[in-house]
Amino acid sequence: MPLPPAYAPDESVVAAVARLTAEFGSRPAAIEPLVVACRRDLTGAPPGALPELVERLARQRLLGSDGA
């Protein structure tokens, strides 16, 4: 599933999808749209903080969806 054009060049999204797919490989179809939504939710955050913030938010949402 390709990233939407607005987020495709966003390295914070690309990197988070790669790392979280490796970590949560049993659900790769759920990871990419979730990461894109997290990036969208973090619009306005400092650009330098985005890689960490996007990945942390996505990981928290993935873990929360497991009931953890």
PDB file of N, CA and C in Angstrom:
ATOM      1  N   MET A   1       0.856  -1.177   0.000  1.00  0.00           N
ATOM      2  CA  MET A   1       0.000   0.000   0.000  1.00  0.00           C
ATOM      3  C   MET A   1       0.899   1.237   0.000  1.00  0.00           C
ATOM      4  N   PRO A   2       0.861   2.050  -1.030  1.00  0.00           N
ATOM      5  CA  PRO A   2       1.715   3.243  -1.079  1.00  0.00           C
ATOM      6  C   PRO A   2       1.218   4.316  -0.124  1.00  0.00           C
ATOM      7  N   LEU A   3       2.154   5.125   0.330  1.00  0.00           N
ATOM      8  CA  LEU A   3       1.794   6.227   1.213  1.00  0.00           C
ATOM      9  C   LEU A   3       1.072   7.306   0.423  1.00  0.00           C
ATOM     10  N   PRO A   4       0.118   7.995   1.039  1.00  0.00           N
ATOM     11  CA  PRO A   4      -0.521   9.123   0.361  1.00  0.00           C
ATOM     12  C   PRO A   4       0.540  10.144  -0.038  1.00  0.00           C
ATOM     13  N   PRO A   5       0.346  10.836  -1.166  1.00  0.00           N
ATOM     14  CA  PRO A   5       1.366  11.770  -1.658  1.00  0.00           C
ATOM     15  C   PRO A   5       1.844  12.798  -0.639  1.00  0.00           C
ATOM     16  N   ALA A   6       0.972  13.268   0.216  1.00  0.00           N
ATOM     17  CA  ALA A   6       1.365  14.296   1.187  1.00  0.00           C
ATOM     18  C   ALA A   6       2.384  13.764   2.193  1.00  0.00           C
ATOM     19  N   TYR A   7       2.414  12.454   2.429  1.00  0.00           N
ATOM     20  CA  TYR A   7       3.299  11.880   3.435  1.00  0.00           C
ATOM     21  C   TYR A   7       4.387  11.001   2.838  1.00  0.00           C
ATOM     22  N   ALA A   8       4.323  10.698   1.546  1.00  0.00           N
ATOM     23  CA  ALA A   8       5.301   9.802   0.927  1.00  0.00           C
ATOM     24  C   ALA A   8       6.738  10.276   1.131  1.00  0.00           C
ATOM     25  N   PRO A   9       7.047  11.573   0.980  1.00  0.00           N
ATOM     26  CA  PRO A   9       8.438  11.981   1.173  1.00  0.00           C
ATOM     27  C   PRO A   9       8.799  12.199   2.637  1.00  0.00           C
ATOM     28  N   ASP A  10       7.851  12.046   3.531  1.00  0.00           N
ATOM     29  CA  ASP A  10       8.087  12.295   4.949  1.00  0.00           C
ATOM     30  C   ASP A  10       8.855  11.119   5.542  1.00  0.00           C
ATOM     31  N   GLU A  11      10.133  11.343   5.798  1.00  0.00           N
ATOM     32  CA  GLU A  11      10.991  10.270   6.296  1.00  0.00           C
ATOM     33  C   GLU A  11      10.516   9.740   7.647  1.00  0.00           C
ATOM     34  N   SER A  12       9.839  10.561   8.447  1.00  0.00           N
ATOM     35  CA  SER A  12       9.353  10.076   9.744  1.00  0.00           C
ATOM     36  C   SER A  12       8.318   8.972   9.556  1.00  0.00           C
ATOM     37  N   VAL A  13       7.516   9.070   8.516  1.00  0.00           N
ATOM     38  CA  VAL A  13       6.508   8.046   8.231  1.00  0.00           C
ATOM     39  C   VAL A  13       7.174   6.800   7.668  1.00  0.00           C
ATOM     40  N   VAL A  14       8.034   6.983   6.690  1.00  0.00           N
ATOM     41  CA  VAL A  14       8.690   5.848   6.043  1.00  0.00           C
ATOM     42  C   VAL A  14       9.489   5.035   7.067  1.00  0.00           C
ATOM     43  N   ALA A  15      10.253   5.714   7.897  1.00  0.00           N
ATOM     44  CA  ALA A  15      11.086   5.028   8.888  1.00  0.00           C
ATOM     45  C   ALA A  15      10.235   4.325   9.943  1.00  0.00           C
ATOM     46  N   ALA A  16       9.191   4.978  10.411  1.00  0.00           N
ATOM     47  CA  ALA A  16       8.333   4.367  11.430  1.00  0.00           C
ATOM     48  C   ALA A  16       7.623   3.140  10.884  1.00  0.00           C
ATOM     49  N   VAL A  17       7.152   3.211   9.648  1.00  0.00           N
ATOM     50  CA  VAL A  17       6.491   2.049   9.039  1.00  0.00           C
ATOM     51  C   VAL A  17       7.473   0.882   8.972  1.00  0.00           C
ATOM     52  N   ALA A  18       8.689   1.138   8.555  1.00  0.00           N
ATOM     53  CA  ALA A  18       9.686   0.064   8.440  1.00  0.00           C
ATOM     54  C   ALA A  18       9.983  -0.569   9.803  1.00  0.00           C
ATOM     55  N   ARG A  19      10.223   0.263  10.813  1.00  0.00           N
ATOM     56  CA  ARG A  19      10.568  -0.281  12.130  1.00  0.00           C
ATOM     57  C   ARG A  19       9.391  -0.996  12.783  1.00  0.00           C
ATOM     58  N   LEU A  20       8.207  -0.421  12.690  1.00  0.00           N
ATOM     59  CA  LEU A  20       7.054  -1.039  13.335  1.00  0.00           C
ATOM     60  C   LEU A  20       6.586  -2.291  12.604  1.00  0.00           C
ATOM     61  N   THR A  21       6.785  -2.343  11.299  1.00  0.00           N
ATOM     62  CA  THR A  21       6.456  -3.567  10.564  1.00  0.00           C
ATOM     63  C   THR A  21       7.383  -4.695  11.022  1.00  0.00           C
ATOM     64  N   ALA A  22       8.650  -4.379  11.242  1.00  0.00           N
ATOM     65  CA  ALA A  22       9.577  -5.395  11.747  1.00  0.00           C
ATOM     66  C   ALA A  22       9.186  -5.843  13.157  1.00  0.00           C
ATOM     67  N   GLU A  23       8.735  -4.895  13.960  1.00  0.00           N
ATOM     68  CA  GLU A  23       8.375  -5.204  15.346  1.00  0.00           C
ATOM     69  C   GLU A  23       7.026  -5.903  15.463  1.00  0.00           C
ATOM     70  N   PHE A  24       6.037  -5.455  14.691  1.00  0.00           N
ATOM     71  CA  PHE A  24       4.678  -5.984  14.750  1.00  0.00           C
ATOM     72  C   PHE A  24       4.339  -6.685  13.436  1.00  0.00           C
ATOM     73  N   GLY A  25       5.252  -7.474  12.924  1.00  0.00           N
ATOM     74  CA  GLY A  25       5.114  -8.090  11.608  1.00  0.00           C
ATOM     75  C   GLY A  25       3.859  -8.901  11.385  1.00  0.00           C
ATOM     76  N   SER A  26       3.194  -9.287  12.443  1.00  0.00           N
ATOM     77  CA  SER A  26       1.990 -10.099  12.256  1.00  0.00           C
ATOM     78  C   SER A  26       0.814  -9.280  11.732  1.00  0.00           C
ATOM     79  N   ARG A  27       0.945  -7.934  11.720  1.00  0.00           N
ATOM     80  CA  ARG A  27      -0.162  -7.087  11.271  1.00  0.00           C
ATOM     81  C   ARG A  27       0.317  -5.949  10.370  1.00  0.00           C
ATOM     82  N   PRO A  28       1.070  -6.248   9.320  1.00  0.00           N
ATOM     83  CA  PRO A  28       1.618  -5.150   8.509  1.00  0.00           C
ATOM     84  C   PRO A  28       0.557  -4.300   7.821  1.00  0.00           C
ATOM     85  N   ALA A  29      -0.578  -4.848   7.479  1.00  0.00           N
ATOM     86  CA  ALA A  29      -1.614  -4.070   6.790  1.00  0.00           C
ATOM     87  C   ALA A  29      -2.201  -2.984   7.688  1.00  0.00           C
ATOM     88  N   ALA A  30      -2.126  -3.163   8.984  1.00  0.00           N
ATOM     89  CA  ALA A  30      -2.675  -2.179   9.916  1.00  0.00           C
ATOM     90  C   ALA A  30      -1.672  -1.080  10.246  1.00  0.00           C
ATOM     91  N   ILE A  31      -0.413  -1.326  10.013  1.00  0.00           N
ATOM     92  CA  ILE A  31       0.629  -0.411  10.475  1.00  0.00           C
ATOM     93  C   ILE A  31       0.715   0.857   9.635  1.00  0.00           C
ATOM     94  N   GLU A  32       0.774   0.730   8.332  1.00  0.00           N
ATOM     95  CA  GLU A  32       0.981   1.902   7.485  1.00  0.00           C
ATOM     96  C   GLU A  32      -0.120   2.953   7.633  1.00  0.00           C
ATOM     97  N   PRO A  33      -1.397   2.587   7.548  1.00  0.00           N
ATOM     98  CA  PRO A  33      -2.429   3.627   7.722  1.00  0.00           C
ATOM     99  C   PRO A  33      -2.418   4.243   9.122  1.00  0.00           C
ATOM    100  N   LEU A  34      -2.056   3.444  10.108  1.00  0.00           N
ATOM    101  CA  LEU A  34      -1.983   3.954  11.470  1.00  0.00           C
ATOM    102  C   LEU A  34      -0.861   4.979  11.604  1.00  0.00           C
ATOM    103  N   VAL A  35       0.300   4.691  11.029  1.00  0.00           N
ATOM    104  CA  VAL A  35       1.428   5.616  11.088  1.00  0.00           C
ATOM    105  C   VAL A  35       1.090   6.913  10.355  1.00  0.00           C
ATOM    106  N   VAL A  36       0.449   6.803   9.213  1.00  0.00           N
ATOM    107  CA  VAL A  36       0.043   8.001   8.463  1.00  0.00           C
ATOM    108  C   VAL A  36      -0.933   8.834   9.292  1.00  0.00           C
ATOM    109  N   ALA A  37      -1.865   8.181   9.971  1.00  0.00           N
ATOM    110  CA  ALA A  37      -2.814   8.907  10.818  1.00  0.00           C
ATOM    111  C   ALA A  37      -2.096   9.578  11.989  1.00  0.00           C
ATOM    112  N   CYS A  38      -1.113   8.902  12.562  1.00  0.00           N
ATOM    113  CA  CYS A  38      -0.338   9.495  13.657  1.00  0.00           C
ATOM    114  C   CYS A  38       0.421  10.721  13.172  1.00  0.00           C
ATOM    115  N   ARG A  39       1.012  10.615  11.989  1.00  0.00           N
ATOM    116  CA  ARG A  39       1.739  11.762  11.430  1.00  0.00           C
ATOM    117  C   ARG A  39       0.798  12.936  11.221  1.00  0.00           C
ATOM    118  N   ARG A  40      -0.385  12.645  10.712  1.00  0.00           N
ATOM    119  CA  ARG A  40      -1.384  13.698  10.494  1.00  0.00           C
ATOM    120  C   ARG A  40      -1.782  14.325  11.835  1.00  0.00           C
ATOM    121  N   ASP A  41      -1.950  13.503  12.855  1.00  0.00           N
ATOM    122  CA  ASP A  41      -2.317  14.012  14.179  1.00  0.00           C
ATOM    123  C   ASP A  41      -1.224  14.882  14.787  1.00  0.00           C
ATOM    124  N   LEU A  42      -0.001  14.682  14.343  1.00  0.00           N
ATOM    125  CA  LEU A  42       1.127  15.443  14.886  1.00  0.00           C
ATOM    126  C   LEU A  42       1.504  16.641  14.016  1.00  0.00           C
ATOM    127  N   THR A  43       0.642  17.002  13.094  1.00  0.00           N
ATOM    128  CA  THR A  43       0.892  18.188  12.273  1.00  0.00           C
ATOM    129  C   THR A  43       1.101  19.377  13.196  1.00  0.00           C
ATOM    130  N   GLY A  44       2.147  20.121  12.956  1.00  0.00           N
ATOM    131  CA  GLY A  44       2.458  21.272  13.795  1.00  0.00           C
ATOM    132  C   GLY A  44       3.534  20.994  14.820  1.00  0.00           C
ATOM    133  N   ALA A  45       3.881  19.718  15.001  1.00  0.00           N
ATOM    134  CA  ALA A  45       4.972  19.382  15.920  1.00  0.00           C
ATOM    135  C   ALA A  45       6.291  19.814  15.287  1.00  0.00           C
ATOM    136  N   PRO A  46       7.295  20.087  16.087  1.00  0.00           N
ATOM    137  CA  PRO A  46       8.592  20.476  15.532  1.00  0.00           C
ATOM    138  C   PRO A  46       9.127  19.391  14.589  1.00  0.00           C
ATOM    139  N   PRO A  47       9.543  19.762  13.385  1.00  0.00           N
ATOM    140  CA  PRO A  47       9.996  18.772  12.401  1.00  0.00           C
ATOM    141  C   PRO A  47      11.095  17.843  12.911  1.00  0.00           C
ATOM    142  N   GLY A  48      11.999  18.359  13.710  1.00  0.00           N
ATOM    143  CA  GLY A  48      13.077  17.525  14.228  1.00  0.00           C
ATOM    144  C   GLY A  48      12.608  16.454  15.192  1.00  0.00           C
ATOM    145  N   ALA A  49      11.460  16.671  15.798  1.00  0.00           N
ATOM    146  CA  ALA A  49      10.929  15.705  16.755  1.00  0.00           C
ATOM    147  C   ALA A  49      10.014  14.670  16.112  1.00  0.00           C
ATOM    148  N   LEU A  50       9.616  14.905  14.870  1.00  0.00           N
ATOM    149  CA  LEU A  50       8.639  14.024  14.229  1.00  0.00           C
ATOM    150  C   LEU A  50       9.036  12.554  14.156  1.00  0.00           C
ATOM    151  N   PRO A  51      10.250  12.211  13.785  1.00  0.00           N
ATOM    152  CA  PRO A  51      10.553  10.777  13.705  1.00  0.00           C
ATOM    153  C   PRO A  51      10.257  10.033  15.013  1.00  0.00           C
ATOM    154  N   GLU A  52      10.695  10.584  16.109  1.00  0.00           N
ATOM    155  CA  GLU A  52      10.456   9.933  17.395  1.00  0.00           C
ATOM    156  C   GLU A  52       8.984   9.996  17.792  1.00  0.00           C
ATOM    157  N   LEU A  53       8.364  11.145  17.640  1.00  0.00           N
ATOM    158  CA  LEU A  53       6.967  11.296  18.049  1.00  0.00           C
ATOM    159  C   LEU A  53       6.028  10.408  17.239  1.00  0.00           C
ATOM    160  N   VAL A  54       6.232  10.342  15.940  1.00  0.00           N
ATOM    161  CA  VAL A  54       5.376   9.514  15.088  1.00  0.00           C
ATOM    162  C   VAL A  54       5.498   8.050  15.493  1.00  0.00           C
ATOM    163  N   GLU A  55       6.720   7.597  15.652  1.00  0.00           N
ATOM    164  CA  GLU A  55       6.905   6.188  16.003  1.00  0.00           C
ATOM    165  C   GLU A  55       6.353   5.868  17.384  1.00  0.00           C
ATOM    166  N   ARG A  56       6.593   6.741  18.345  1.00  0.00           N
ATOM    167  CA  ARG A  56       6.073   6.499  19.705  1.00  0.00           C
ATOM    168  C   ARG A  56       4.552   6.466  19.732  1.00  0.00           C
ATOM    169  N   LEU A  57       3.922   7.424  19.047  1.00  0.00           N
ATOM    170  CA  LEU A  57       2.459   7.463  19.036  1.00  0.00           C
ATOM    171  C   LEU A  57       1.894   6.228  18.344  1.00  0.00           C
ATOM    172  N   ALA A  58       2.468   5.850  17.225  1.00  0.00           N
ATOM    173  CA  ALA A  58       1.997   4.670  16.504  1.00  0.00           C
ATOM    174  C   ALA A  58       2.182   3.404  17.347  1.00  0.00           C
ATOM    175  N   ARG A  59       3.328   3.280  17.981  1.00  0.00           N
ATOM    176  CA  ARG A  59       3.572   2.099  18.831  1.00  0.00           C
ATOM    177  C   ARG A  59       2.568   2.051  19.977  1.00  0.00           C
ATOM    178  N   GLN A  60       2.308   3.180  20.590  1.00  0.00           N
ATOM    179  CA  GLN A  60       1.343   3.222  21.694  1.00  0.00           C
ATOM    180  C   GLN A  60      -0.045   2.801  21.218  1.00  0.00           C
ATOM    181  N   ARG A  61      -0.432   3.291  20.042  1.00  0.00           N
ATOM    182  CA  ARG A  61      -1.738   2.907  19.512  1.00  0.00           C
ATOM    183  C   ARG A  61      -1.789   1.427  19.133  1.00  0.00           C
ATOM    184  N   LEU A  62      -0.716   0.892  18.600  1.00  0.00           N
ATOM    185  CA  LEU A  62      -0.674  -0.533  18.283  1.00  0.00           C
ATOM    186  C   LEU A  62      -0.769  -1.376  19.549  1.00  0.00           C
ATOM    187  N   LEU A  63      -0.033  -0.994  20.568  1.00  0.00           N
ATOM    188  CA  LEU A  63      -0.081  -1.732  21.828  1.00  0.00           C
ATOM    189  C   LEU A  63      -1.442  -1.585  22.499  1.00  0.00           C
ATOM    190  N   GLY A  64      -2.017  -0.393  22.410  1.00  0.00           N
ATOM    191  CA  GLY A  64      -3.339  -0.171  22.993  1.00  0.00           C
ATOM    192  C   GLY A  64      -4.417  -0.984  22.326  1.00  0.00           C
ATOM    193  N   SER A  65      -4.250  -1.230  21.032  1.00  0.00           N
ATOM    194  CA  SER A  65      -5.249  -2.014  20.311  1.00  0.00           C
ATOM    195  C   SER A  65      -5.194  -3.479  20.695  1.00  0.00           C
ATOM    196  N   ASP A  66      -4.102  -3.898  21.360  1.00  0.00           N
ATOM    197  CA  ASP A  66      -3.978  -5.269  21.837  1.00  0.00           C
ATOM    198  C   ASP A  66      -4.528  -5.420  23.250  1.00  0.00           C
ATOM    199  N   GLY A  67      -4.953  -4.307  23.830  1.00  0.00           N
ATOM    200  CA  GLY A  67      -5.452  -4.358  25.195  1.00  0.00           C
ATOM    201  C   GLY A  67      -4.345  -4.279  26.224  1.00  0.00           C
ATOM    202  N   ALA A  68      -3.133  -3.957  25.805  1.00  0.00           N
ATOM    203  CA  ALA A  68      -2.004  -3.876  26.739  1.00  0.00           C
ATOM    204  C   ALA A  68      -2.023  -2.559  27.481  1.00  0.00           C
TER     205      ALA A  68
END
